[in-house]
Amino acid sequence: MLRVLMFLIPLALTIYAFIDCLNTPEDEAKHLPKIAWVFIILLFWIVGPIAWLAAGKQRTPPQGGRTPSEWHRNHRTQYVAPDDNPEFLASLREDHKKDEALLKDWEADLRRREEELRRREGEQGTKD
C-alpha cells in the first residue's frame, strides 16, 4: 500500500502541475518561458512540479479578475452589463428602427389590401 502511495502522490502532483502550467497564460509564467516549465515538470518528476508550484507562476489574482475561460477571448479583461454597453444599445435601436419600418410597411400593405377588397365588394354589389 505504501509503495502505491509513493508512486501515486508524485504522479498526481506531476499531472496537476502539468495541467496548471498548460492553463497558465504565457504572461503569468515567471522566470522561464512556459514551454521550459513544461519540460522541467515532465523531465524532473518530483522536483519539477514542486519548482513550478513554488516559483513558476504568479499566485496573485490576475488584473481585472481574469479567469481561464477569458484567456481565449482576446485577453478581454473587463465586462460591461448589456444595459451599460453603448454598442449593444445602439444595435437595439437599429433593430427597433428596422422593426418599426417593417411594421409600417405591413400596415400600409394591409390598408391597401383592405381598400382593394372594399372596392371589389362595392363593384360586385352594384353588379347584382
N, C-alpha and C. Protein backbone atom coordinates (compact mmCIF):
# COMPACT_ATOMS: atom_id res chain seq x y z
N MET A 1 0.83 -1.19 0.00
CA MET A 1 0.00 0.00 0.00
C MET A 1 0.87 1.25 0.00
N LEU A 2 1.92 1.25 0.81
CA LEU A 2 2.81 2.39 0.90
C LEU A 2 3.55 2.60 -0.43
N ARG A 3 3.90 1.51 -1.09
CA ARG A 3 4.56 1.62 -2.39
C ARG A 3 3.65 2.27 -3.43
N VAL A 4 2.39 1.93 -3.37
CA VAL A 4 1.43 2.51 -4.30
C VAL A 4 1.30 4.00 -4.05
N LEU A 5 1.22 4.41 -2.78
CA LEU A 5 1.13 5.83 -2.46
C LEU A 5 2.39 6.57 -2.87
N MET A 6 3.55 5.94 -2.72
CA MET A 6 4.82 6.57 -3.11
C MET A 6 4.88 6.80 -4.63
N PHE A 7 4.11 6.07 -5.38
CA PHE A 7 4.05 6.25 -6.82
C PHE A 7 2.92 7.21 -7.22
N LEU A 8 1.73 7.07 -6.58
CA LEU A 8 0.57 7.86 -6.96
C LEU A 8 0.68 9.33 -6.58
N ILE A 9 1.24 9.63 -5.43
CA ILE A 9 1.32 11.03 -5.00
C ILE A 9 2.21 11.85 -5.94
N PRO A 10 3.43 11.42 -6.26
CA PRO A 10 4.21 12.20 -7.24
C PRO A 10 3.55 12.26 -8.63
N LEU A 11 2.89 11.18 -9.03
CA LEU A 11 2.20 11.17 -10.32
C LEU A 11 1.08 12.21 -10.32
N ALA A 12 0.28 12.22 -9.26
CA ALA A 12 -0.80 13.20 -9.16
C ALA A 12 -0.25 14.62 -9.12
N LEU A 13 0.83 14.84 -8.40
CA LEU A 13 1.46 16.15 -8.33
C LEU A 13 1.97 16.58 -9.72
N THR A 14 2.57 15.66 -10.43
CA THR A 14 3.08 15.96 -11.78
C THR A 14 1.94 16.29 -12.73
N ILE A 15 0.87 15.52 -12.68
CA ILE A 15 -0.28 15.77 -13.56
C ILE A 15 -0.90 17.12 -13.23
N TYR A 16 -1.06 17.41 -11.94
CA TYR A 16 -1.64 18.69 -11.53
C TYR A 16 -0.77 19.85 -12.01
N ALA A 17 0.53 19.77 -11.78
CA ALA A 17 1.44 20.85 -12.17
C ALA A 17 1.47 21.01 -13.69
N PHE A 18 1.44 19.90 -14.42
CA PHE A 18 1.45 19.95 -15.88
C PHE A 18 0.20 20.65 -16.41
N ILE A 19 -0.96 20.27 -15.91
CA ILE A 19 -2.21 20.89 -16.36
C ILE A 19 -2.25 22.36 -15.95
N ASP A 20 -1.81 22.65 -14.72
CA ASP A 20 -1.77 24.04 -14.25
C ASP A 20 -0.86 24.88 -15.14
N CYS A 21 0.27 24.34 -15.52
CA CYS A 21 1.22 25.05 -16.39
C CYS A 21 0.60 25.29 -17.77
N LEU A 22 -0.05 24.30 -18.32
CA LEU A 22 -0.67 24.46 -19.64
C LEU A 22 -1.79 25.49 -19.63
N ASN A 23 -2.52 25.58 -18.52
CA ASN A 23 -3.64 26.52 -18.43
C ASN A 23 -3.22 27.93 -18.02
N THR A 24 -1.98 28.11 -17.68
CA THR A 24 -1.49 29.42 -17.27
C THR A 24 -1.11 30.23 -18.50
N PRO A 25 -1.58 31.48 -18.60
CA PRO A 25 -1.18 32.32 -19.74
C PRO A 25 0.33 32.57 -19.71
N GLU A 26 0.88 32.77 -20.88
CA GLU A 26 2.33 32.97 -21.01
C GLU A 26 2.83 34.13 -20.16
N ASP A 27 2.03 35.20 -20.05
CA ASP A 27 2.48 36.38 -19.30
C ASP A 27 2.47 36.17 -17.79
N GLU A 28 1.91 35.07 -17.31
CA GLU A 28 1.91 34.81 -15.87
C GLU A 28 2.95 33.78 -15.45
N ALA A 29 3.67 33.20 -16.40
CA ALA A 29 4.75 32.27 -16.07
C ALA A 29 5.97 33.10 -15.67
N LYS A 30 6.56 32.77 -14.53
CA LYS A 30 7.69 33.55 -14.02
C LYS A 30 9.01 32.83 -14.32
N HIS A 31 10.07 33.62 -14.46
CA HIS A 31 11.46 33.19 -14.55
C HIS A 31 11.82 32.49 -15.86
N LEU A 32 10.97 31.67 -16.42
CA LEU A 32 11.27 30.94 -17.66
C LEU A 32 10.05 30.97 -18.57
N PRO A 33 10.27 30.73 -19.87
CA PRO A 33 9.10 30.59 -20.75
C PRO A 33 8.27 29.37 -20.35
N LYS A 34 7.01 29.41 -20.70
CA LYS A 34 6.10 28.33 -20.30
C LYS A 34 6.53 26.97 -20.85
N ILE A 35 7.03 26.94 -22.07
CA ILE A 35 7.46 25.67 -22.66
C ILE A 35 8.61 25.05 -21.87
N ALA A 36 9.48 25.90 -21.34
CA ALA A 36 10.58 25.39 -20.50
C ALA A 36 10.03 24.78 -19.22
N TRP A 37 9.01 25.42 -18.65
CA TRP A 37 8.39 24.86 -17.44
C TRP A 37 7.74 23.51 -17.73
N VAL A 38 7.14 23.36 -18.89
CA VAL A 38 6.52 22.07 -19.25
C VAL A 38 7.58 20.97 -19.27
N PHE A 39 8.72 21.26 -19.91
CA PHE A 39 9.78 20.26 -19.95
C PHE A 39 10.35 19.96 -18.56
N ILE A 40 10.51 20.99 -17.75
CA ILE A 40 11.02 20.77 -16.39
C ILE A 40 10.07 19.89 -15.59
N ILE A 41 8.78 20.17 -15.70
CA ILE A 41 7.78 19.38 -14.96
C ILE A 41 7.81 17.93 -15.40
N LEU A 42 7.90 17.71 -16.70
CA LEU A 42 7.85 16.34 -17.21
C LEU A 42 9.17 15.58 -17.04
N LEU A 43 10.30 16.26 -17.12
CA LEU A 43 11.59 15.58 -17.03
C LEU A 43 12.04 15.33 -15.60
N PHE A 44 11.80 16.28 -14.73
CA PHE A 44 12.22 16.14 -13.33
C PHE A 44 10.98 15.84 -12.50
N TRP A 45 10.70 14.57 -12.35
CA TRP A 45 9.42 14.07 -11.91
C TRP A 45 8.91 14.65 -10.60
N ILE A 46 9.69 14.75 -9.58
CA ILE A 46 9.22 15.27 -8.30
C ILE A 46 9.66 16.72 -8.11
N VAL A 47 10.88 17.04 -8.48
CA VAL A 47 11.42 18.38 -8.28
C VAL A 47 10.75 19.38 -9.23
N GLY A 48 10.49 19.00 -10.47
CA GLY A 48 9.89 19.89 -11.45
C GLY A 48 8.53 20.42 -11.04
N PRO A 49 7.58 19.55 -10.66
CA PRO A 49 6.27 20.05 -10.23
C PRO A 49 6.35 20.94 -8.98
N ILE A 50 7.23 20.58 -8.04
CA ILE A 50 7.36 21.40 -6.83
C ILE A 50 7.95 22.76 -7.19
N ALA A 51 8.93 22.79 -8.10
CA ALA A 51 9.51 24.07 -8.54
C ALA A 51 8.45 24.92 -9.24
N TRP A 52 7.62 24.31 -10.07
CA TRP A 52 6.55 25.05 -10.75
C TRP A 52 5.58 25.66 -9.73
N LEU A 53 5.16 24.84 -8.79
CA LEU A 53 4.19 25.33 -7.80
C LEU A 53 4.80 26.40 -6.90
N ALA A 54 6.10 26.31 -6.63
CA ALA A 54 6.74 27.27 -5.72
C ALA A 54 7.15 28.55 -6.44
N ALA A 55 7.66 28.45 -7.66
CA ALA A 55 8.26 29.63 -8.28
C ALA A 55 7.86 29.88 -9.72
N GLY A 56 7.09 29.03 -10.32
CA GLY A 56 6.85 29.15 -11.76
C GLY A 56 5.69 30.01 -12.17
N LYS A 57 4.81 30.35 -11.25
CA LYS A 57 3.59 31.04 -11.63
C LYS A 57 3.29 32.15 -10.65
N GLN A 58 2.75 33.23 -11.18
CA GLN A 58 2.29 34.30 -10.30
C GLN A 58 1.07 33.80 -9.55
N ARG A 59 1.10 33.87 -8.25
CA ARG A 59 -0.01 33.35 -7.45
C ARG A 59 -0.97 34.44 -7.00
N THR A 60 -0.74 35.67 -7.41
CA THR A 60 -1.67 36.74 -7.08
C THR A 60 -2.80 36.72 -8.11
N PRO A 61 -3.99 37.17 -7.74
CA PRO A 61 -5.09 37.19 -8.71
C PRO A 61 -4.74 38.09 -9.89
N PRO A 62 -5.04 37.68 -11.11
CA PRO A 62 -4.74 38.49 -12.29
C PRO A 62 -5.52 39.80 -12.27
N GLN A 63 -4.98 40.78 -12.94
CA GLN A 63 -5.61 42.10 -13.02
C GLN A 63 -6.95 42.00 -13.73
N GLY A 64 -7.93 42.72 -13.25
CA GLY A 64 -9.23 42.78 -13.89
C GLY A 64 -10.09 41.56 -13.65
N GLY A 65 -9.69 40.67 -12.74
CA GLY A 65 -10.50 39.49 -12.43
C GLY A 65 -10.56 38.49 -13.55
N ARG A 66 -9.49 38.37 -14.32
CA ARG A 66 -9.48 37.45 -15.46
C ARG A 66 -9.57 36.01 -14.98
N THR A 67 -10.31 35.20 -15.70
CA THR A 67 -10.46 33.78 -15.39
C THR A 67 -10.00 32.96 -16.58
N PRO A 68 -9.74 31.66 -16.39
CA PRO A 68 -9.24 30.85 -17.50
C PRO A 68 -10.12 30.88 -18.74
N SER A 69 -11.44 30.97 -18.59
CA SER A 69 -12.30 30.97 -19.77
C SER A 69 -12.16 32.25 -20.57
N GLU A 70 -11.65 33.31 -19.94
CA GLU A 70 -11.49 34.58 -20.64
C GLU A 70 -10.17 34.68 -21.36
N TRP A 71 -9.20 33.80 -21.08
CA TRP A 71 -7.90 33.88 -21.71
C TRP A 71 -7.99 33.68 -23.20
N HIS A 72 -9.02 33.01 -23.65
CA HIS A 72 -9.14 32.70 -25.06
C HIS A 72 -10.05 33.68 -25.77
N ARG A 73 -10.43 34.75 -25.10
CA ARG A 73 -11.30 35.77 -25.69
C ARG A 73 -10.51 37.04 -25.97
N ASN A 74 -9.40 36.90 -26.63
CA ASN A 74 -8.55 38.04 -26.98
C ASN A 74 -8.14 38.86 -25.77
N HIS A 75 -7.92 38.18 -24.67
CA HIS A 75 -7.47 38.81 -23.42
C HIS A 75 -8.42 39.91 -22.95
N ARG A 76 -9.70 39.76 -23.19
CA ARG A 76 -10.66 40.74 -22.71
C ARG A 76 -10.76 40.62 -21.20
N THR A 77 -10.53 41.72 -20.49
CA THR A 77 -10.47 41.66 -19.03
C THR A 77 -11.58 42.44 -18.36
N GLN A 78 -12.37 43.18 -19.11
CA GLN A 78 -13.41 43.98 -18.47
C GLN A 78 -14.73 43.76 -19.19
N TYR A 79 -15.76 43.47 -18.42
CA TYR A 79 -17.07 43.22 -18.99
C TYR A 79 -18.01 44.35 -18.62
N VAL A 80 -18.96 44.60 -19.50
CA VAL A 80 -19.95 45.64 -19.29
C VAL A 80 -21.32 44.98 -19.36
N ALA A 81 -22.19 45.36 -18.45
CA ALA A 81 -23.56 44.83 -18.49
C ALA A 81 -24.23 45.31 -19.78
N PRO A 82 -25.14 44.52 -20.34
CA PRO A 82 -25.77 44.91 -21.61
C PRO A 82 -26.45 46.27 -21.56
N ASP A 83 -27.06 46.62 -20.44
CA ASP A 83 -27.73 47.92 -20.39
C ASP A 83 -26.77 49.08 -20.21
N ASP A 84 -25.47 48.81 -20.01
CA ASP A 84 -24.45 49.85 -19.94
C ASP A 84 -23.54 49.86 -21.16
N ASN A 85 -23.73 48.92 -22.06
CA ASN A 85 -22.87 48.79 -23.23
C ASN A 85 -23.44 49.63 -24.37
N PRO A 86 -22.75 50.71 -24.77
CA PRO A 86 -23.30 51.58 -25.82
C PRO A 86 -23.45 50.86 -27.17
N GLU A 87 -22.55 49.94 -27.48
CA GLU A 87 -22.67 49.21 -28.75
C GLU A 87 -23.93 48.35 -28.77
N PHE A 88 -24.20 47.68 -27.65
CA PHE A 88 -25.38 46.84 -27.57
C PHE A 88 -26.66 47.68 -27.67
N LEU A 89 -26.67 48.82 -26.96
CA LEU A 89 -27.85 49.70 -27.01
C LEU A 89 -28.06 50.27 -28.41
N ALA A 90 -26.97 50.60 -29.09
CA ALA A 90 -27.09 51.10 -30.47
C ALA A 90 -27.66 50.02 -31.38
N SER A 91 -27.22 48.77 -31.18
CA SER A 91 -27.75 47.70 -32.01
C SER A 91 -29.23 47.48 -31.74
N LEU A 92 -29.66 47.66 -30.48
CA LEU A 92 -31.09 47.55 -30.17
C LEU A 92 -31.89 48.65 -30.86
N ARG A 93 -31.34 49.88 -30.86
CA ARG A 93 -32.03 50.98 -31.53
C ARG A 93 -32.17 50.71 -33.02
N GLU A 94 -31.09 50.19 -33.64
CA GLU A 94 -31.14 49.88 -35.07
C GLU A 94 -32.18 48.79 -35.35
N ASP A 95 -32.20 47.76 -34.52
CA ASP A 95 -33.19 46.69 -34.68
C ASP A 95 -34.60 47.25 -34.52
N HIS A 96 -34.78 48.15 -33.55
CA HIS A 96 -36.10 48.74 -33.31
C HIS A 96 -36.54 49.55 -34.53
N LYS A 97 -35.62 50.32 -35.12
CA LYS A 97 -35.96 51.11 -36.31
C LYS A 97 -36.34 50.20 -37.47
N LYS A 98 -35.58 49.12 -37.65
CA LYS A 98 -35.90 48.17 -38.73
C LYS A 98 -37.27 47.54 -38.51
N ASP A 99 -37.56 47.16 -37.27
CA ASP A 99 -38.86 46.55 -36.96
C ASP A 99 -40.00 47.54 -37.17
N GLU A 100 -39.78 48.80 -36.77
CA GLU A 100 -40.81 49.83 -36.97
C GLU A 100 -41.07 50.03 -38.46
N ALA A 101 -40.02 50.09 -39.27
CA ALA A 101 -40.19 50.27 -40.72
C ALA A 101 -40.93 49.08 -41.32
N LEU A 102 -40.58 47.88 -40.88
CA LEU A 102 -41.26 46.69 -41.38
C LEU A 102 -42.74 46.70 -40.98
N LEU A 103 -43.02 47.09 -39.75
CA LEU A 103 -44.40 47.17 -39.29
C LEU A 103 -45.19 48.20 -40.10
N LYS A 104 -44.60 49.35 -40.38
CA LYS A 104 -45.28 50.37 -41.18
C LYS A 104 -45.56 49.86 -42.59
N ASP A 105 -44.60 49.13 -43.16
CA ASP A 105 -44.82 48.56 -44.50
C ASP A 105 -45.96 47.55 -44.47
N TRP A 106 -46.00 46.72 -43.45
CA TRP A 106 -47.08 45.73 -43.34
C TRP A 106 -48.44 46.42 -43.17
N GLU A 107 -48.47 47.46 -42.33
CA GLU A 107 -49.74 48.19 -42.13
C GLU A 107 -50.20 48.85 -43.42
N ALA A 108 -49.26 49.44 -44.16
CA ALA A 108 -49.63 50.06 -45.43
C ALA A 108 -50.13 49.01 -46.42
N ASP A 109 -49.48 47.85 -46.46
CA ASP A 109 -49.92 46.77 -47.33
C ASP A 109 -51.30 46.27 -46.92
N LEU A 110 -51.53 46.16 -45.61
CA LEU A 110 -52.83 45.71 -45.12
C LEU A 110 -53.93 46.72 -45.50
N ARG A 111 -53.67 48.02 -45.34
CA ARG A 111 -54.65 49.06 -45.72
C ARG A 111 -54.96 48.98 -47.22
N ARG A 112 -53.90 48.81 -48.03
CA ARG A 112 -54.09 48.72 -49.47
C ARG A 112 -54.95 47.52 -49.83
N ARG A 113 -54.71 46.38 -49.20
CA ARG A 113 -55.50 45.18 -49.48
C ARG A 113 -56.95 45.34 -49.02
N GLU A 114 -57.12 45.98 -47.84
CA GLU A 114 -58.50 46.21 -47.36
C GLU A 114 -59.26 47.12 -48.32
N GLU A 115 -58.61 48.19 -48.80
CA GLU A 115 -59.26 49.09 -49.76
C GLU A 115 -59.60 48.36 -51.05
N GLU A 116 -58.69 47.50 -51.48
CA GLU A 116 -58.92 46.73 -52.69
C GLU A 116 -60.11 45.78 -52.51
N LEU A 117 -60.20 45.13 -51.34
CA LEU A 117 -61.35 44.26 -51.06
C LEU A 117 -62.66 45.05 -51.03
N ARG A 118 -62.64 46.22 -50.38
CA ARG A 118 -63.85 47.05 -50.33
C ARG A 118 -64.27 47.47 -51.73
N ARG A 119 -63.30 47.83 -52.55
CA ARG A 119 -63.60 48.24 -53.92
C ARG A 119 -64.22 47.08 -54.69
N ARG A 120 -63.66 45.87 -54.52
CA ARG A 120 -64.19 44.69 -55.21
C ARG A 120 -65.61 44.37 -54.74
N GLU A 121 -65.80 44.47 -53.41
CA GLU A 121 -67.14 44.19 -52.86
C GLU A 121 -68.14 45.23 -53.34
N GLY A 122 -67.71 46.49 -53.44
CA GLY A 122 -68.58 47.56 -53.96
C GLY A 122 -68.92 47.33 -55.42
N GLU A 123 -67.97 46.87 -56.20
CA GLU A 123 -68.21 46.60 -57.61
C GLU A 123 -69.16 45.41 -57.78
N GLN A 124 -68.97 44.36 -56.93
CA GLN A 124 -69.84 43.20 -57.02
C GLN A 124 -71.26 43.54 -56.54
N GLY A 125 -71.38 44.43 -55.55
CA GLY A 125 -72.71 44.83 -55.05
C GLY A 125 -73.46 45.63 -56.08
N THR A 126 -72.83 46.42 -56.90
CA THR A 126 -73.51 47.22 -57.93
C THR A 126 -73.89 46.35 -59.14
N LYS A 127 -73.16 45.27 -59.37
CA LYS A 127 -73.45 44.37 -60.49
C LYS A 127 -74.68 43.51 -60.19
N ASP A 128 -74.92 43.19 -58.95
CA ASP A 128 -76.02 42.30 -58.59
C ASP A 128 -77.31 42.97 -58.72
